[in-house]
Structure formats: C-alpha cells, structure tokens
Protein backbone atom coordinates (compact mmCIF):
# COMPACT_ATOMS: atom_id res chain seq x y z
CA MET A 1 14.25 -11.89 -21.96
CA ASP A 2 12.35 -9.36 -19.82
CA ILE A 3 11.59 -10.40 -16.24
CA VAL A 4 9.70 -8.64 -13.43
CA ILE A 5 10.10 -9.64 -9.78
CA VAL A 6 7.15 -8.96 -7.48
CA THR A 7 7.62 -9.35 -3.72
CA GLY A 8 4.51 -9.95 -1.65
CA SER A 9 2.96 -11.38 -4.80
CA GLY A 10 0.04 -12.95 -2.93
CA GLY A 11 -1.05 -9.66 -1.40
CA LEU A 12 -3.34 -6.97 -2.75
CA ILE A 13 -0.86 -4.84 -4.70
CA GLY A 14 1.48 -7.75 -5.39
CA SER A 15 -1.19 -9.90 -7.05
CA GLU A 16 -2.52 -6.92 -9.00
CA SER A 17 1.05 -6.31 -10.20
CA VAL A 18 1.46 -9.94 -11.25
CA GLU A 19 -1.69 -9.81 -13.37
CA PHE A 20 -1.00 -6.34 -14.77
CA PHE A 21 2.58 -7.08 -15.83
CA SER A 22 2.02 -10.68 -16.99
CA ASN A 23 1.26 -9.55 -20.55
CA LYS A 24 4.07 -6.99 -20.56
CA PHE A 25 6.99 -9.21 -19.47
CA ASP A 26 8.15 -12.68 -20.49
CA ILE A 27 8.26 -14.00 -16.92
CA VAL A 28 6.73 -12.77 -13.67
CA VAL A 29 8.64 -14.02 -10.62
CA GLY A 30 6.66 -13.83 -7.39
CA ILE A 31 8.27 -13.95 -3.94
CA ASP A 32 5.85 -14.54 -1.06
CA ASN A 33 5.94 -16.80 2.02
CA ASP A 34 2.44 -15.89 3.30
CA MET A 35 3.70 -13.90 6.28
CA ARG A 36 0.31 -12.20 6.31
CA SER A 37 -1.15 -15.29 7.99
CA VAL A 38 1.55 -14.96 10.66
CA PHE A 39 0.69 -11.31 11.23
CA PHE A 40 -3.11 -11.50 11.12
CA GLY A 41 -4.16 -15.14 11.36
CA LYS A 42 -5.49 -17.76 8.97
CA GLU A 43 -8.39 -15.61 7.77
CA ALA A 44 -5.88 -13.15 6.31
CA SER A 45 -3.75 -15.78 4.57
CA THR A 46 -2.79 -15.05 0.97
CA SER A 47 -2.26 -18.71 0.08
CA TRP A 48 -5.55 -18.75 -1.86
CA ASN A 49 -4.33 -15.87 -4.01
CA ILE A 50 -0.93 -17.44 -4.65
CA LYS A 51 -2.64 -20.63 -5.76
CA ARG A 52 -4.94 -18.63 -8.02
CA LEU A 53 -2.00 -16.87 -9.67
CA GLU A 54 -0.19 -20.16 -10.28
CA GLU A 55 -3.31 -21.55 -11.95
CA GLU A 56 -4.36 -18.50 -13.95
CA VAL A 57 -1.14 -16.70 -14.93
CA SER A 58 0.77 -18.91 -17.35
CA ASN A 59 4.12 -17.09 -17.10
CA TYR A 60 4.10 -16.78 -13.30
CA ILE A 61 6.85 -18.51 -11.29
CA HIS A 62 6.47 -18.60 -7.51
CA TYR A 63 9.24 -18.60 -4.89
CA PRO A 64 8.16 -18.99 -1.23
CA GLY A 65 11.10 -16.89 -0.09
CA ASP A 66 11.49 -14.59 2.91
CA ILE A 67 12.81 -11.13 2.09
CA ARG A 68 14.76 -11.15 5.38
CA ASP A 69 16.83 -14.06 4.02
CA LYS A 70 19.36 -12.49 1.65
CA GLU A 71 20.82 -15.84 0.56
CA SER A 72 17.39 -17.08 -0.51
CA LEU A 73 16.79 -13.91 -2.49
CA GLU A 74 20.25 -14.07 -4.04
CA SER A 75 19.42 -17.41 -5.66
CA VAL A 76 16.63 -15.65 -7.59
CA PHE A 77 18.61 -12.55 -8.55
CA SER A 78 21.71 -14.52 -9.58
CA LYS A 79 19.61 -16.82 -11.75
CA TYR A 80 17.95 -14.05 -13.77
CA GLY A 81 20.56 -11.26 -13.47
CA ALA A 82 20.40 -8.56 -16.12
CA ASP A 83 17.17 -10.02 -17.53
CA ILE A 84 15.42 -8.53 -14.50
CA LYS A 85 14.00 -5.26 -15.79
CA LEU A 86 11.64 -4.37 -12.95
CA ILE A 87 11.33 -5.06 -9.22
CA VAL A 88 7.97 -4.25 -7.62
CA HIS A 89 8.51 -4.44 -3.86
CA CYS A 90 5.17 -4.93 -2.08
CA ALA A 91 6.17 -7.32 0.72
CA ALA A 92 5.84 -5.74 4.16
CA GLN A 93 4.52 -5.91 7.68
CA PRO A 94 1.67 -3.42 7.07
CA SER A 95 0.02 -2.76 10.45
CA HIS A 96 1.08 -0.17 13.01
CA ASP A 97 -0.96 -1.98 15.68
CA TRP A 98 0.88 -5.25 15.04
CA ALA A 99 4.31 -3.60 14.83
CA ALA A 100 4.12 -2.47 18.45
CA LYS A 101 3.83 -6.12 19.53
CA ASP A 102 7.08 -7.15 17.83
CA PRO A 103 9.19 -4.16 16.75
CA ILE A 104 12.19 -6.31 15.82
CA MET A 105 10.29 -8.49 13.37
CA ASP A 106 8.54 -5.42 11.97
CA PHE A 107 11.85 -3.67 11.34
CA THR A 108 13.63 -6.67 9.88
CA VAL A 109 10.78 -7.25 7.41
CA ASN A 110 10.21 -3.64 6.41
CA ALA A 111 13.68 -2.13 6.62
CA ASN A 112 16.20 -4.98 6.40
CA GLY A 113 14.14 -6.83 3.79
CA THR A 114 14.04 -3.73 1.61
CA LEU A 115 17.79 -3.21 2.00
CA ASN A 116 18.43 -6.82 0.93
CA LEU A 117 16.44 -6.27 -2.26
CA LEU A 118 18.14 -2.97 -3.04
CA GLU A 119 21.61 -4.43 -2.62
CA LEU A 120 20.79 -7.45 -4.78
CA THR A 121 19.36 -5.15 -7.44
CA ARG A 122 22.55 -3.07 -7.37
CA ASN A 123 24.76 -6.18 -7.65
CA PHE A 124 22.83 -8.25 -10.19
CA SER A 125 20.36 -5.98 -12.03
CA PRO A 126 21.62 -2.38 -11.81
CA GLU A 127 19.67 -1.24 -14.88
CA ALA A 128 16.34 -2.47 -13.46
CA VAL A 129 13.63 -0.14 -12.18
CA PHE A 130 12.97 -0.55 -8.44
CA ILE A 131 9.45 0.38 -7.27
CA HIS A 132 8.83 0.47 -3.53
CA CYS A 133 5.39 0.47 -1.89
CA SER A 134 5.91 3.00 0.88
CA THR A 135 3.19 4.58 3.00
CA ASN A 136 1.80 7.94 4.07
CA LYS A 137 2.69 6.87 7.64
CA VAL A 138 6.22 8.12 6.90
CA TYR A 139 4.78 11.57 7.71
CA GLY A 140 3.90 10.35 11.20
CA ASP A 141 1.12 12.27 12.91
CA THR A 142 2.22 15.61 11.44
CA PRO A 143 -1.03 15.80 9.39
CA ASN A 144 -2.90 16.05 12.71
CA ASN A 145 -1.31 19.48 13.24
CA LEU A 146 -3.19 20.89 10.26
CA PRO A 147 -6.08 23.30 10.98
CA LEU A 148 -8.94 20.80 11.02
CA VAL A 149 -12.67 21.49 11.13
CA GLU A 150 -15.20 19.00 12.48
CA LEU A 151 -18.23 18.50 10.24
CA ASP A 152 -21.29 16.25 10.67
CA MET A 153 -19.78 13.22 8.92
CA ARG A 154 -16.06 13.97 8.67
CA TRP A 155 -13.10 16.04 9.64
CA GLU A 156 -11.89 18.43 6.97
CA VAL A 157 -8.92 20.74 6.62
CA ASP A 158 -9.76 24.43 6.80
CA GLU A 159 -10.62 25.88 3.40
CA SER A 160 -7.98 28.59 3.78
CA HIS A 161 -5.13 26.05 3.99
CA LYS A 162 -2.98 25.25 0.94
CA PHE A 163 -3.76 21.52 1.29
CA TYR A 164 -7.53 22.00 1.06
CA ALA A 165 -7.85 21.93 -2.71
CA ARG A 166 -5.74 18.87 -3.53
CA GLY A 167 -4.49 17.32 -0.28
CA ILE A 168 -1.08 16.77 1.31
CA ASP A 169 1.93 17.01 -0.98
CA GLU A 170 5.49 15.69 -0.67
CA SER A 171 6.72 18.88 1.01
CA MET A 172 5.34 17.69 4.37
CA THR A 173 8.18 16.88 6.77
CA ILE A 174 8.77 13.32 7.94
CA ASP A 175 10.74 14.53 11.00
CA ASN A 176 9.84 15.18 14.64
CA SER A 177 6.53 13.35 14.74
CA LYS A 178 5.04 10.18 16.18
CA HIS A 179 5.13 7.65 13.35
CA SER A 180 4.13 4.44 15.14
CA VAL A 181 6.71 1.65 15.14
CA PHE A 182 5.45 0.57 11.71
CA GLY A 183 5.81 4.09 10.35
CA ALA A 184 9.40 4.29 11.61
CA SER A 185 10.42 1.03 9.91
CA LYS A 186 8.81 2.23 6.69
CA VAL A 187 10.67 5.55 6.97
CA ALA A 188 13.94 3.60 7.10
CA ALA A 189 13.00 1.65 3.98
CA ASP A 190 11.71 4.76 2.18
CA VAL A 191 14.89 6.76 2.80
CA MET A 192 17.11 3.84 1.78
CA VAL A 193 15.21 3.42 -1.51
CA GLN A 194 15.76 7.12 -2.19
CA GLU A 195 19.45 6.80 -1.30
CA TYR A 196 20.07 3.89 -3.65
CA GLY A 197 18.62 6.08 -6.37
CA LYS A 198 20.48 9.27 -5.55
CA TYR A 199 23.78 7.80 -4.28
CA PHE A 200 24.17 4.69 -6.43
CA GLY A 201 22.21 5.97 -9.44
CA LEU A 202 19.56 3.24 -9.48
CA LYS A 203 16.12 3.91 -10.96
CA THR A 204 14.19 3.86 -7.71
CA VAL A 205 10.90 5.31 -6.53
CA CYS A 206 8.79 5.36 -3.36
CA PHE A 207 5.02 5.49 -3.74
CA ARG A 208 3.65 6.74 -0.43
CA GLY A 209 0.25 5.11 -0.45
CA GLY A 210 -2.87 6.05 1.43
CA CYS A 211 -5.42 3.29 1.92
CA LEU A 212 -4.67 0.73 -0.79
CA THR A 213 -7.70 -1.38 -1.56
CA GLY A 214 -9.57 -3.62 -3.95
CA PRO A 215 -11.46 -6.93 -4.21
CA LYS A 216 -8.35 -9.13 -3.83
CA HIS A 217 -7.52 -7.69 -0.40
CA SER A 218 -7.36 -10.26 2.42
CA GLY A 219 -8.75 -7.71 4.86
CA ALA A 220 -8.33 -8.28 8.60
CA MET A 221 -9.23 -6.31 11.71
CA LEU A 222 -5.77 -4.70 11.97
CA HIS A 223 -5.28 -4.05 8.27
CA GLY A 224 -7.42 -3.60 5.16
CA PHE A 225 -9.95 -0.90 6.03
CA LEU A 226 -12.52 -1.09 3.21
CA SER A 227 -12.14 -4.81 2.60
CA TYR A 228 -12.65 -5.74 6.25
CA LEU A 229 -15.47 -3.19 6.65
CA MET A 230 -17.43 -4.63 3.73
CA LYS A 231 -16.87 -8.19 4.95
CA CYS A 232 -18.34 -7.17 8.32
CA ALA A 233 -21.27 -5.53 6.56
CA ILE A 234 -21.99 -8.66 4.52
CA LYS A 235 -21.62 -11.09 7.46
CA ASN A 236 -23.30 -8.79 10.00
CA ASP A 237 -20.14 -8.92 12.14
CA LYS A 238 -19.49 -6.09 14.57
CA TYR A 239 -16.97 -3.49 13.33
CA THR A 240 -15.01 -1.33 15.79
CA ILE A 241 -14.08 2.26 14.98
CA PHE A 242 -11.22 3.66 17.06
CA GLY A 243 -11.43 7.32 18.01
CA TYR A 244 -12.52 10.60 16.42
CA GLU A 245 -16.20 9.48 16.39
CA GLY A 246 -15.57 7.77 13.08
CA LYS A 247 -15.05 11.07 11.30
CA GLN A 248 -11.38 10.42 10.41
CA VAL A 249 -10.83 10.73 6.65
CA ARG A 250 -8.89 8.36 4.38
CA ASP A 251 -8.22 8.57 0.68
CA ASN A 252 -8.57 5.17 -0.98
CA ILE A 253 -6.85 4.06 -4.16
CA HIS A 254 -7.78 0.91 -6.07
CA ALA A 255 -4.93 -1.56 -6.58
CA TYR A 256 -5.28 -1.27 -10.37
CA ASP A 257 -4.88 2.51 -10.32
CA LEU A 258 -1.74 2.26 -8.17
CA VAL A 259 -0.15 -0.46 -10.31
CA ASN A 260 -0.93 1.61 -13.38
CA MET A 261 1.11 4.38 -11.74
CA PHE A 262 3.95 1.86 -11.46
CA TRP A 263 3.69 1.14 -15.19
CA HIS A 264 3.88 4.80 -16.16
CA PHE A 265 6.95 5.26 -13.96
CA TYR A 266 8.60 2.16 -15.43
CA LYS A 267 8.27 3.52 -18.97
CA ASN A 268 10.02 6.77 -18.01
CA PRO A 269 11.90 6.19 -14.72
CA ARG A 270 13.72 8.65 -12.51
CA HIS A 271 16.34 8.30 -9.74
CA GLY A 272 15.35 8.29 -6.05
CA GLU A 273 11.93 9.77 -6.68
CA VAL A 274 9.03 10.08 -4.20
CA TYR A 275 5.31 10.37 -4.92
CA ASN A 276 2.25 10.55 -2.71
CA ALA A 277 -0.16 7.97 -4.10
CA GLY A 278 -3.71 7.80 -2.81
CA GLY A 279 -7.26 8.42 -3.89
CA SER A 280 -6.83 12.22 -3.52
CA ARG A 281 -9.98 14.34 -3.73
CA TYR A 282 -11.20 11.87 -6.37
CA SER A 283 -11.67 8.92 -3.98
CA ASN A 284 -11.87 9.49 -0.23
CA CYS A 285 -14.24 9.02 2.69
CA SER A 286 -14.54 9.18 6.44
CA MET A 287 -15.17 6.03 8.42
CA LYS A 288 -18.78 7.10 8.97
CA GLU A 289 -19.23 7.80 5.26
CA ALA A 290 -17.78 4.39 4.40
CA VAL A 291 -20.20 2.70 6.82
CA ALA A 292 -23.10 4.56 5.18
CA LEU A 293 -21.96 3.41 1.73
CA CYS A 294 -21.66 -0.21 2.90
CA GLU A 295 -25.16 -0.04 4.35
CA GLU A 296 -26.47 1.38 1.08
CA ILE A 297 -24.80 -1.34 -1.01
CA THR A 298 -25.71 -4.28 1.25
CA GLU A 299 -29.11 -2.86 2.22
CA LYS A 300 -28.33 -3.87 5.80
CA LYS A 301 -27.69 -1.85 8.95
CA MET A 302 -24.15 -2.40 10.23
CA ARG A 303 -23.26 -3.29 13.82
CA ILE A 304 -20.75 -0.59 14.79
CA ASN A 305 -18.83 -0.29 18.05
CA TYR A 306 -17.17 3.06 18.83
CA ASP A 307 -14.00 2.97 20.94
CA ASN A 308 -13.07 6.47 22.13
CA ASN A 309 -9.35 5.62 22.13
CA ASN A 310 -7.78 6.43 18.78
CA ARG A 311 -4.89 4.31 17.55
CA ILE A 312 -1.46 5.79 18.34
CA GLY A 313 -0.19 8.01 15.53
CA ASP A 314 -3.41 7.63 13.54
CA HIS A 315 -4.30 10.32 11.04
CA ILE A 316 -7.44 12.38 11.65
CA TRP A 317 -7.50 13.65 8.07
CA TYR A 318 -5.33 12.46 5.21
CA ILE A 319 -5.87 13.09 1.51
CA SER A 320 -2.98 12.70 -0.94
CA ASP A 321 -2.03 15.41 -3.41
CA ILE A 322 -0.98 13.53 -6.57
CA LYS A 323 -0.17 16.65 -8.61
CA LYS A 324 3.56 15.88 -8.70
CA PHE A 325 2.96 12.46 -10.24
CA LYS A 326 0.39 13.85 -12.68
CA ASP A 327 2.83 16.58 -13.73
CA HIS A 328 5.49 13.94 -14.45
CA TYR A 329 3.07 11.42 -16.03
CA PRO A 330 0.09 13.33 -17.45
CA ASP A 331 -1.29 10.32 -19.34
CA TRP A 332 -2.15 8.50 -16.10
CA SER A 333 -5.67 8.82 -14.65
CA TYR A 334 -7.97 7.14 -12.12
CA LYS A 335 -10.32 4.34 -13.11
CA TYR A 336 -12.03 3.71 -9.74
CA GLY A 337 -13.78 6.00 -7.26
CA ILE A 338 -14.76 5.12 -3.70
CA LYS A 339 -18.20 3.66 -4.53
CA ASP A 340 -16.77 1.68 -7.48
CA ILE A 341 -14.24 0.14 -5.08
CA LEU A 342 -16.84 -0.86 -2.48
CA LEU A 343 -19.12 -2.34 -5.13
CA GLU A 344 -16.26 -4.50 -6.41
CA ILE A 345 -15.41 -5.71 -2.91
CA TYR A 346 -19.09 -6.49 -2.33
CA ASP A 347 -19.38 -8.45 -5.58
CA GLU A 348 -16.24 -10.44 -4.70
CA ASN A 349 -17.41 -11.39 -1.21
CA HIS A 350 -21.18 -11.76 -1.08
C-alpha cells in the first residue's frame, strides 16, 4: 500500500497536495489542527477546507494532530510505517509579523515540529521522500542589498546584475542578515531538513517558496497577499500597504504549480536538496501592479492605505530563479500566470 502524509492539510498547499496526490496514492493522511485560526482569527480558519476534503476526497483520512506533539505524530507513523512513501510538510506558522508576538510558539511550530517529523520519518519510514515547504525568508533581507532601481510602478534590480534575467538563485547566502523571527525559525527547519538528507541519507528537499497563492487560500491581513488583496477588492474593504510606496515586488506561484514540482521531485528524488520555488519572471508583480489588476478584474476602485513603515526584514524586490529545478526536472512547467491566479481567486470569492 502507498500512503502520503500531508501536514497542514487544510491550508493552501496542503489541500492542493491532498487533491493532487489522491489519485496517485492509496491513502492520503492529513494532519491539521487548524492552528491558522489561532494565528489569524476565525476568518482565516481552515476548518471549512478540512471538511471539504473529508467530503470530496474518498481516500482522505484526517488526524487533528499538532506537529509539536511527537507522541501524537508517532501514533500515525507507527500505524502506517514503511507504507508511507511520501511526506509533504506544509504545516507552519507562516507570518513574520505574528512570529514577533510569540517567538517561542513560532519556533516550536516551525523548527521543533519539523524536527519531530524528520525523526519519525527516519525511524518508521526511512525510504519515504520528505518534502518541506520552506520560504525565501531564509535569505533574510539580503536581497535588499542588491542594486535596485525605482520605476513608476515597481522596484527592479539593475539590468547589469546577474539576477536580472532570471531572479535570485540558491547561491544567495542565508547568513548575516535580518530574517525576522519567522525567517529564523524557518532557517532552522530548512537546515535540519537538509541535514537529515545529507547526514542520515533521507530523500529530503526544501522548496523555498515566494508568495504561494491560489483560490483555496484563507487569506488574512498578516498572511496571504493576493488572496487577501482580492477579498478586499471584492468587499470594498480598505487594504494597507506597508512601505516602499507599494512598489515592492513579489513573485507568485499557484499552489498547483508548486505541488506539481513536488510530484516531479518525488518521481526522481535527491538527498538534502534545495530549490527556490516561486513565480520567477513568469509570474510576478509589485503591490501597485497587483492593485491595478484587482481593479481591472473587479471593475472597482480599491480603497488603499499607505503606511510609510515597511515591515521588518521585508523584501523590496524578490523574484525566484527556478533554473536549478528546471535543469533537474525539465518536464515541469508553469500552468498559471499572475492574472490567471487573480481571476481564479476572484471567481472563488465573488
């Protein structure tokens, strides 16, 4: 029997993983205790998505476990053992604003929770592939040291720089920068996932995501950029942009495209690998450009508030270079661009 475990199964990437892998594995085991509602309030709860998966995915089994509780997790891993062929680890505290309010909880979720899963994989399912949803925040604010040029609608890296053509690659250092508390806890998890691959020989990988997005995102003010922005556009709620006059640039990758990257890695895994995983030059926008697109799609003027204080450690310009992944897995390609993503979120919410 082939089993996949998905942590954070009610979230954006977790639920996409459940649906994607449901016809590729005999059983999909989801682990999610709706911590998102604790982090961001009832409006960001994933309980609706968990219920939907239980109703719509016939081979889905849900466990309301907490990844900080190793004993609870062990009951799942010991039950399925070597039948576990894949672990997709999406559960996390995902906001650097929230992390500063409670660094201990942030670290125990992001770092200790990941370590629990790695150790259980090593003990019960050592042949399984372990996929970790990391983040580009592991690079801290180092990208802000790039030679940046201010344009009318966005910041852009200088055309003479090596990152201009394709974006930031995995050679960027993760040291000696301001990560935010969230970024630091994700660095700890990222490095440990690499170590279990390189030291213990597990098939592990870190996907360092940019802005992960899609119609199943329970977007909230502190997390879920495009989802929350479109919800504000539809409801005529005021949206606050923090710093850089709204010209900060994000690359945005649809949940499906990211999970499809997971699938390609699973079919030909490596040990302790790292990939930048975002929208690259294919799918990116500044905050101002995203607002303009939302206004075009909704045919309504948005209510925007500009706060001159940027968030600590925030990137001014970040676009992922995915060349390394494409070199290793040339059959993978994008399905969704930035406007496709916003149209899907609009259709889901209006």
